[in-house]
């Protein structure tokens, strides 16, 4: 499948399947046809892929796990973009990779992407929700609200930010839209905070070919040559979309009817995972996907569960939108015509749980706007994921990458 004709965003996906592990090729999903993407949609997807890989590289650290949803970050900033003007708008468009697109093309592409992804696979639960919360009495331009309601389906509410109950109200929305997995995103509200723009994503799907729990064994995971930890290593023998080359082994694990999948990238023993991260590009991912071929073999994959949260201020500033964080230079007059607004925080929260049945994952991105004045088989390959690895969760028709992760220690 070619990335240059399909959407890409990084996401974790899970598939529903009944009962025990099934053999590859049986109960194959019914073939469905989908409309072609427009040129603007393809551009938004390509930009999302570039943006996601840049985030991954900026956030990467040698000794830590990492899990983000570039799609969630992009959508929260996409809503905020509708309130930006002048240099701030240009900088945000450049950071998101949207320089060549009109506002209508950007917003329409987000709208159609939301609709497409939520309807791709009836065996996978995938939900996207957006909301805008403004301080009670703060004047918001009607066009800003209308655009985000129309294209992002944003729920819009005025809220008394001075009330002790306000953080709990926003946290309850996040919890409701992530099945309770991310239930606290706001501790307190600064007196100068005028608005929160929030995106929430929830994914829950079973593997198309589940792992047998009886085959899961305790095993060592090699964090480094000198550091090992114990993990629960799942195992199944099957036919997979697989490749092995000098730098990595790769395997694509489908969920549900096969529209969503997890691409696992395991560096070869002599290759550093951080070198693989730095060399990732849309072209290299496309080459891997194109070179995958059906092969029989044995897969060992650790169970893992993790939470991750990170302020993205410094990363986004380094990627080109520092002006949006400047109290003196930011221009969000399309939110409020009097100006005096800037982004004080962009915070990302994520959760993932991978086990024998499938994957559950969620992400929330919060943009805070502040006012300044207001068992091995006998034959076939063996892929033993018992050392640091990367994974991408994606949708195959649009090639949207929903989540990207790096696991250095499955127990961390």
Protein backbone atom coordinates (compact mmCIF):
# COMPACT_ATOMS: atom_id res chain seq x y z
CA UNK A 1 0.00 0.00 0.00
CA UNK A 2 1.40 3.35 -0.97
CA UNK A 3 1.67 6.11 1.57
CA UNK A 4 1.85 8.69 -1.17
CA UNK A 5 -1.82 8.16 -2.01
CA UNK A 6 -3.22 7.63 1.45
CA UNK A 7 -3.64 9.29 4.86
CA UNK A 8 -1.06 8.87 7.55
CA UNK A 9 -1.43 9.64 11.28
CA UNK A 10 -0.11 7.61 14.17
CA UNK A 11 -2.74 5.64 16.07
CA UNK A 12 -3.23 2.56 18.16
CA UNK A 13 -5.92 0.22 16.95
CA UNK A 14 -7.66 -2.84 18.27
CA UNK A 15 -9.88 -5.46 16.59
CA UNK A 16 -12.86 -7.47 17.74
CA UNK A 17 -12.68 -11.20 17.23
CA UNK A 18 -14.54 -14.06 18.84
CA UNK A 19 -12.93 -16.66 21.04
CA UNK A 20 -9.65 -18.33 20.20
CA UNK A 21 -6.82 -17.58 17.82
CA UNK A 22 -7.73 -17.94 14.15
CA UNK A 23 -5.50 -19.06 11.31
CA UNK A 24 -4.42 -16.48 8.78
CA UNK A 25 -6.64 -16.55 5.73
CA UNK A 26 -9.75 -17.97 7.38
CA UNK A 27 -12.76 -15.78 8.04
CA UNK A 28 -11.13 -13.14 5.83
CA UNK A 29 -12.80 -9.73 6.08
CA UNK A 30 -15.31 -8.87 3.40
CA UNK A 31 -13.83 -6.59 0.78
CA UNK A 32 -15.17 -3.06 0.95
CA UNK A 33 -14.64 -0.17 -1.39
CA UNK A 34 -13.97 3.37 -0.25
CA UNK A 35 -13.93 6.66 -2.08
CA UNK A 36 -10.63 8.10 -3.22
CA UNK A 37 -9.16 10.89 -1.15
CA UNK A 38 -9.12 14.42 -2.50
CA UNK A 39 -5.82 16.19 -3.18
CA UNK A 40 -6.35 18.35 -0.08
CA UNK A 41 -7.06 15.29 2.09
CA UNK A 42 -3.91 13.59 0.82
CA UNK A 43 -1.92 16.73 1.61
CA UNK A 44 -3.33 16.90 5.15
CA UNK A 45 -2.48 13.23 5.71
CA UNK A 46 1.06 13.63 4.40
CA UNK A 47 1.52 16.71 6.57
CA UNK A 48 0.19 14.77 9.56
CA UNK A 49 2.74 12.04 8.96
CA UNK A 50 5.63 14.51 8.72
CA UNK A 51 4.41 16.34 11.82
CA UNK A 52 4.08 13.08 13.79
CA UNK A 53 7.59 11.92 12.93
CA UNK A 54 9.01 15.31 13.89
CA UNK A 55 7.22 15.09 17.25
CA UNK A 56 8.60 11.58 17.78
CA UNK A 57 12.17 12.70 17.09
CA UNK A 58 11.91 15.82 19.27
CA UNK A 59 10.40 13.91 22.22
CA UNK A 60 12.68 10.87 21.93
CA UNK A 61 15.05 10.16 24.81
CA UNK A 62 17.50 7.24 25.02
CA UNK A 63 16.12 5.64 28.17
CA UNK A 64 12.39 6.33 28.22
CA UNK A 65 9.14 4.99 26.82
CA UNK A 66 7.12 7.29 24.60
CA UNK A 67 3.56 7.16 23.30
CA UNK A 68 1.77 9.93 21.41
CA UNK A 69 -1.14 10.52 19.07
CA UNK A 70 -0.01 12.99 16.39
CA UNK A 71 -3.60 12.97 15.15
CA UNK A 72 -4.86 14.28 18.49
CA UNK A 73 -2.21 17.02 18.68
CA UNK A 74 -2.87 18.03 15.08
CA UNK A 75 -6.63 18.28 15.58
CA UNK A 76 -6.38 20.36 18.75
CA UNK A 77 -4.00 22.75 16.99
CA UNK A 78 -6.19 22.67 13.88
CA UNK A 79 -9.10 24.03 15.91
CA UNK A 80 -6.84 26.69 17.44
CA UNK A 81 -5.57 27.66 13.99
CA UNK A 82 -9.05 28.94 13.16
CA UNK A 83 -8.51 31.69 15.73
CA UNK A 84 -5.01 32.70 14.61
CA UNK A 85 -4.11 35.52 12.25
CA UNK A 86 -1.07 37.19 10.72
CA UNK A 87 2.36 35.79 11.55
CA UNK A 88 0.87 33.47 14.19
CA UNK A 89 -1.40 31.84 11.62
CA UNK A 90 1.44 31.46 9.11
CA UNK A 91 3.75 29.93 11.71
CA UNK A 92 1.13 27.43 12.86
CA UNK A 93 0.30 26.46 9.27
CA UNK A 94 3.98 25.91 8.51
CA UNK A 95 4.51 23.80 11.64
CA UNK A 96 1.51 21.64 10.74
CA UNK A 97 2.61 21.48 7.09
CA UNK A 98 -0.42 23.31 5.70
CA UNK A 99 1.26 26.22 3.87
CA UNK A 100 -0.17 25.26 0.48
CA UNK A 101 -3.77 24.73 1.66
CA UNK A 102 -6.62 27.17 2.13
CA UNK A 103 -8.56 27.30 5.40
CA UNK A 104 -11.51 25.64 3.71
CA UNK A 105 -9.32 22.78 2.48
CA UNK A 106 -7.74 22.28 5.91
CA UNK A 107 -11.04 22.30 7.79
CA UNK A 108 -12.89 20.18 5.22
CA UNK A 109 -10.10 17.59 5.27
CA UNK A 110 -10.22 17.33 9.06
CA UNK A 111 -14.01 16.95 8.85
CA UNK A 112 -13.86 14.15 6.30
CA UNK A 113 -10.98 12.43 8.13
CA UNK A 114 -13.02 12.34 11.34
CA UNK A 115 -15.98 10.84 9.48
CA UNK A 116 -13.85 8.33 7.57
CA UNK A 117 -11.86 6.99 10.52
CA UNK A 118 -14.90 6.52 12.75
CA UNK A 119 -16.70 4.43 10.12
CA UNK A 120 -13.88 2.24 8.78
CA UNK A 121 -14.35 -0.93 10.81
CA UNK A 122 -17.47 -1.94 12.71
CA UNK A 123 -15.38 -4.35 14.79
CA UNK A 124 -13.16 -1.57 16.13
CA UNK A 125 -14.33 1.13 18.51
CA UNK A 126 -12.75 4.37 17.35
CA UNK A 127 -14.06 7.71 18.54
CA UNK A 128 -12.93 11.31 18.12
CA UNK A 129 -14.34 14.15 20.23
CA UNK A 130 -13.52 17.87 20.33
CA UNK A 131 -14.56 20.58 22.77
CA UNK A 132 -14.01 24.27 23.43
CA UNK A 133 -14.40 25.69 26.94
CA UNK A 134 -14.36 29.47 27.42
CA UNK A 135 -14.43 31.58 30.57
CA UNK A 136 -17.95 32.75 31.37
CA UNK A 137 -18.33 36.34 30.14
CA UNK A 138 -15.35 36.14 27.75
CA UNK A 139 -16.38 37.34 24.29
CA UNK A 140 -15.63 34.82 21.52
CA UNK A 141 -15.97 35.66 17.83
CA UNK A 142 -19.06 33.83 16.44
CA UNK A 143 -17.19 32.76 13.28
CA UNK A 144 -14.55 30.96 15.37
CA UNK A 145 -17.23 28.98 17.17
CA UNK A 146 -19.22 28.25 14.01
CA UNK A 147 -16.23 26.94 12.07
CA UNK A 148 -15.10 24.58 14.85
CA UNK A 149 -18.62 23.31 15.41
CA UNK A 150 -19.15 22.71 11.69
CA UNK A 151 -15.86 21.04 10.78
CA UNK A 152 -14.65 19.53 14.06
CA UNK A 153 -18.01 18.78 15.68
CA UNK A 154 -16.74 20.69 18.71
CA UNK A 155 -18.91 20.89 21.80
CA UNK A 156 -18.79 24.53 22.95
CA UNK A 157 -19.45 25.59 26.53
CA UNK A 158 -19.03 28.70 28.64
CA UNK A 159 -17.87 27.83 32.15
CA UNK A 160 -17.21 29.74 35.35
CA UNK A 161 -13.46 29.12 35.53
CA UNK A 162 -13.34 30.65 39.00
CA UNK A 163 -15.61 27.91 40.36
CA UNK A 164 -13.95 25.10 42.30
CA UNK A 165 -16.05 22.68 40.25
CA UNK A 166 -14.74 23.86 36.85
CA UNK A 167 -11.68 21.56 36.59
CA UNK A 168 -13.86 18.58 37.50
CA UNK A 169 -16.36 19.44 34.77
CA UNK A 170 -13.63 19.48 32.10
CA UNK A 171 -12.01 16.35 33.51
CA UNK A 172 -15.38 14.55 33.38
CA UNK A 173 -15.63 15.34 29.65
CA UNK A 174 -12.17 13.89 29.05
CA UNK A 175 -13.01 10.79 31.07
CA UNK A 176 -16.30 10.26 29.24
CA UNK A 177 -14.62 10.47 25.85
CA UNK A 178 -11.75 8.11 26.70
CA UNK A 179 -13.79 5.42 28.50
CA UNK A 180 -12.35 6.57 31.81
CA UNK A 181 -8.74 5.95 30.80
CA UNK A 182 -7.71 9.61 30.92
CA UNK A 183 -9.71 11.16 33.72
CA UNK A 184 -7.63 14.13 34.85
CA UNK A 185 -6.24 16.77 32.51
CA UNK A 186 -6.87 19.95 34.55
CA UNK A 187 -5.70 20.45 38.15
CA UNK A 188 -6.56 24.12 38.51
CA UNK A 189 -7.39 27.05 36.24
CA UNK A 190 -5.23 30.16 36.11
CA UNK A 191 -7.12 33.44 36.57
CA UNK A 192 -5.80 34.60 33.17
CA UNK A 193 -6.90 31.47 31.28
CA UNK A 194 -9.65 32.34 28.82
CA UNK A 195 -10.13 29.12 26.86
CA UNK A 196 -9.32 25.42 26.56
CA UNK A 197 -9.44 23.66 23.18
CA UNK A 198 -9.41 19.90 23.68
CA UNK A 199 -9.26 16.84 21.43
CA UNK A 200 -9.90 13.30 22.72
CA UNK A 201 -9.35 10.04 20.85
CA UNK A 202 -10.37 6.56 22.00
CA UNK A 203 -9.51 3.25 20.34
CA UNK A 204 -10.51 -0.25 21.41
CA UNK A 205 -10.16 -3.29 19.18
CA UNK A 206 -9.34 -6.97 19.32
CA UNK A 207 -6.58 -8.52 17.28
CA UNK A 208 -7.88 -10.22 14.15
CA UNK A 209 -5.73 -13.18 15.24
CA UNK A 210 -5.66 -13.23 19.01
CA UNK A 211 -2.84 -14.55 21.15
CA UNK A 212 -3.59 -17.63 23.25
CA UNK A 213 -3.25 -16.67 26.93
CA UNK A 214 -2.04 -20.20 27.71
CA UNK A 215 1.06 -19.54 25.60
CA UNK A 216 2.07 -16.34 27.41
CA UNK A 217 5.21 -16.90 29.47
CA UNK A 218 7.36 -14.84 31.79
CA UNK A 219 10.56 -13.93 29.99
CA UNK A 220 13.43 -11.46 30.03
CA UNK A 221 13.22 -8.17 28.13
CA UNK A 222 16.65 -6.73 27.34
CA UNK A 223 16.45 -3.00 28.04
CA UNK A 224 20.17 -2.86 27.25
CA UNK A 225 23.11 -5.24 27.10
CA UNK A 226 23.57 -4.89 30.85
CA UNK A 227 19.97 -4.37 32.01
CA UNK A 228 17.16 -6.91 31.81
CA UNK A 229 13.64 -6.90 33.25
CA UNK A 230 10.96 -9.57 33.47
CA UNK A 231 7.92 -9.27 31.18
CA UNK A 232 4.92 -11.32 30.04
CA UNK A 233 5.78 -12.42 26.50
CA UNK A 234 2.84 -13.40 24.31
CA UNK A 235 3.38 -15.88 21.48
CA UNK A 236 1.64 -17.15 18.37
CA UNK A 237 2.61 -19.06 15.24
CA UNK A 238 0.83 -17.81 12.15
CA UNK A 239 1.16 -16.27 8.72
CA UNK A 240 1.89 -12.54 8.93
CA UNK A 241 2.76 -9.57 6.76
CA UNK A 242 6.46 -9.54 7.59
CA UNK A 243 9.91 -8.46 6.46
CA UNK A 244 13.47 -8.72 7.69
CA UNK A 245 16.33 -6.55 6.44
CA UNK A 246 19.68 -5.31 7.72
CA UNK A 247 18.30 -2.65 10.08
CA UNK A 248 14.91 -3.94 11.28
CA UNK A 249 12.38 -6.72 11.43
CA UNK A 250 8.84 -5.48 10.76
CA UNK A 251 5.44 -7.08 11.22
CA UNK A 252 1.92 -5.72 10.64
CA UNK A 253 -0.73 -7.00 13.05
CA UNK A 254 -4.37 -6.37 12.01
CA UNK A 255 -7.31 -5.53 14.24
CA UNK A 256 -10.95 -6.43 13.63
CA UNK A 257 -11.78 -6.61 9.93
CA UNK A 258 -8.28 -5.52 9.05
CA UNK A 259 -8.73 -1.81 8.38
CA UNK A 260 -6.63 -0.91 11.42
CA UNK A 261 -3.31 -2.48 12.33
CA UNK A 262 -0.20 -2.15 14.46
CA UNK A 263 3.11 -1.98 12.60
CA UNK A 264 5.90 -3.20 14.91
CA UNK A 265 9.50 -2.25 14.09
CA UNK A 266 12.19 -4.23 15.92
CA UNK A 267 15.78 -3.05 15.35
CA UNK A 268 18.25 -5.80 14.52
CA UNK A 269 20.50 -6.67 17.51
CA UNK A 270 23.40 -4.55 16.30
CA UNK A 271 21.22 -1.52 15.47
CA UNK A 272 20.33 1.22 17.98
CA UNK A 273 16.62 1.99 18.34
CA UNK A 274 17.46 5.70 18.43
CA UNK A 275 19.19 5.38 15.06
CA UNK A 276 16.00 3.82 13.69
CA UNK A 277 13.97 6.71 15.14
CA UNK A 278 16.23 9.32 13.54
CA UNK A 279 16.11 7.56 10.17
CA UNK A 280 12.31 7.26 10.09
CA UNK A 281 10.68 9.21 7.29
CA UNK A 282 7.51 8.95 5.21
CA UNK A 283 9.64 7.36 2.50
CA UNK A 284 11.20 4.75 4.80
CA UNK A 285 7.81 3.81 6.26
CA UNK A 286 6.39 3.54 2.74
CA UNK A 287 9.25 1.23 1.74
CA UNK A 288 8.60 -1.02 4.74
CA UNK A 289 4.87 -1.22 4.04
CA UNK A 290 5.49 -1.92 0.35
CA UNK A 291 8.02 -4.67 1.11
CA UNK A 292 5.92 -6.57 3.65
CA UNK A 293 5.04 -10.05 2.40
CA UNK A 294 3.10 -12.98 3.82
CA UNK A 295 5.37 -15.35 5.71
CA UNK A 296 4.84 -18.10 8.24
CA UNK A 297 6.61 -17.74 11.52
CA UNK A 298 6.48 -17.20 15.25
CA UNK A 299 5.89 -13.85 16.93
CA UNK A 300 6.76 -13.05 20.53
CA UNK A 301 5.34 -9.73 21.72
CA UNK A 302 5.36 -8.34 25.26
CA UNK A 303 2.18 -7.30 27.00
CA UNK A 304 2.46 -3.71 28.14
CA UNK A 305 0.42 -0.92 29.63
CA UNK A 306 1.55 2.66 29.98
CA UNK A 307 0.49 6.24 30.59
CA UNK A 308 2.33 9.18 29.14
CA UNK A 309 1.91 12.90 29.51
CA UNK A 310 4.05 15.71 28.20
CA UNK A 311 4.04 19.46 27.72
CA UNK A 312 4.62 20.15 24.03
CA UNK A 313 5.43 23.86 24.36
CA UNK A 314 9.17 23.60 23.75
CA UNK A 315 8.79 21.00 21.01
CA UNK A 316 6.20 23.02 19.08
CA UNK A 317 8.24 26.19 19.50
CA UNK A 318 11.31 24.45 18.10
CA UNK A 319 9.25 23.20 15.17
CA UNK A 320 8.38 26.75 14.17
CA UNK A 321 5.39 28.12 16.09
CA UNK A 322 7.15 29.93 18.94
CA UNK A 323 5.21 33.10 18.10
CA UNK A 324 1.96 31.44 19.22
CA UNK A 325 3.41 31.15 22.76
CA UNK A 326 4.55 34.78 22.92
CA UNK A 327 2.44 37.11 25.10
CA UNK A 328 3.75 40.06 23.08
CA UNK A 329 3.62 38.70 19.53
CA UNK A 330 0.83 36.10 19.33
CA UNK A 331 -2.21 37.07 17.26
CA UNK A 332 -5.43 35.25 18.08
CA UNK A 333 -7.75 38.13 17.17
CA UNK A 334 -10.04 35.72 15.35
CA UNK A 335 -10.91 34.27 18.77
CA UNK A 336 -11.39 37.68 20.33
CA UNK A 337 -11.03 40.84 18.22
CA UNK A 338 -9.38 42.77 21.05
CA UNK A 339 -6.37 40.43 21.00
CA UNK A 340 -4.11 39.96 24.01
CA UNK A 341 -4.29 36.17 23.72
CA UNK A 342 -1.54 33.58 23.44
CA UNK A 343 -1.10 29.83 23.96
CA UNK A 344 0.26 29.17 27.44
CA UNK A 345 0.31 25.37 27.31
CA UNK A 346 -0.17 22.48 24.90
CA UNK A 347 -0.30 19.31 26.98
CA UNK A 348 -0.65 15.77 25.65
CA UNK A 349 -1.95 12.78 27.64
CA UNK A 350 -2.02 9.20 26.36
CA UNK A 351 -2.77 5.65 27.51
CA UNK A 352 -2.26 2.22 25.94
CA UNK A 353 -2.90 -1.37 27.04
CA UNK A 354 -1.73 -4.24 24.80
CA UNK A 355 -2.61 -7.83 25.72
CA UNK A 356 -3.57 -11.17 24.16
CA UNK A 357 -7.01 -9.96 23.08
CA UNK A 358 -6.07 -6.65 21.52
CA UNK A 359 -5.35 -3.00 22.22
CA UNK A 360 -7.06 -0.21 24.09
CA UNK A 361 -5.63 3.27 23.58
CA UNK A 362 -6.62 6.86 24.13
CA UNK A 363 -5.17 10.35 23.89
CA UNK A 364 -6.17 13.85 24.94
CA UNK A 365 -4.53 17.09 23.78
CA UNK A 366 -5.26 20.32 25.64
CA UNK A 367 -4.50 23.76 24.17
CA UNK A 368 -4.75 26.43 26.89
CA UNK A 369 -5.25 30.00 25.69
CA UNK A 370 -4.38 32.78 28.14
CA UNK A 371 -5.21 36.46 28.08
CA UNK A 372 -2.47 38.96 28.84
CA UNK A 373 -4.88 41.68 29.61
CA UNK A 374 -7.95 39.68 29.75
CA UNK A 375 6.96 -21.74 21.87
CA UNK A 376 9.11 -21.50 18.56
CA UNK A 377 8.00 -23.29 15.36
CA UNK A 378 10.27 -25.75 13.58
CA UNK A 379 10.31 -23.67 10.36
CA UNK A 380 9.83 -20.06 9.36
CA UNK A 381 11.02 -16.76 10.77
CA UNK A 382 11.23 -15.95 14.46
CA UNK A 383 10.55 -12.39 15.61
CA UNK A 384 11.20 -12.12 19.32
CA UNK A 385 10.36 -8.62 20.51
CA UNK A 386 12.38 -8.81 23.70
CA UNK A 387 14.34 -5.58 23.35
CA UNK A 388 13.39 -1.92 22.70
CA UNK A 389 11.02 -1.52 19.76
CA UNK A 390 8.78 0.96 17.93
CA UNK A 391 5.16 0.64 16.85
CA UNK A 392 2.71 2.58 14.72
CA UNK A 393 -1.06 2.16 14.76
CA UNK A 394 -2.66 3.11 11.48
CA UNK A 395 -5.69 2.79 9.24
CA UNK A 396 -4.94 1.04 5.97
CA UNK A 397 -7.24 2.76 3.44
CA UNK A 398 -6.19 6.31 4.28
CA UNK A 399 -2.87 5.15 5.80
CA UNK A 400 -3.57 7.52 8.68
CA UNK A 401 -1.08 6.94 11.47
CA UNK A 402 -3.02 7.33 14.68
CA UNK A 403 -0.40 6.53 17.29
CA UNK A 404 3.35 6.09 17.46
CA UNK A 405 5.16 4.52 20.36
CA UNK A 406 8.58 3.50 21.55
CA UNK A 407 8.94 0.83 24.24
CA UNK A 408 12.28 0.67 26.03
CA UNK A 409 10.94 -1.05 29.14
CA UNK A 410 7.48 -2.72 29.08
CA UNK A 411 7.27 -2.41 32.86
CA UNK A 412 8.12 1.28 33.02
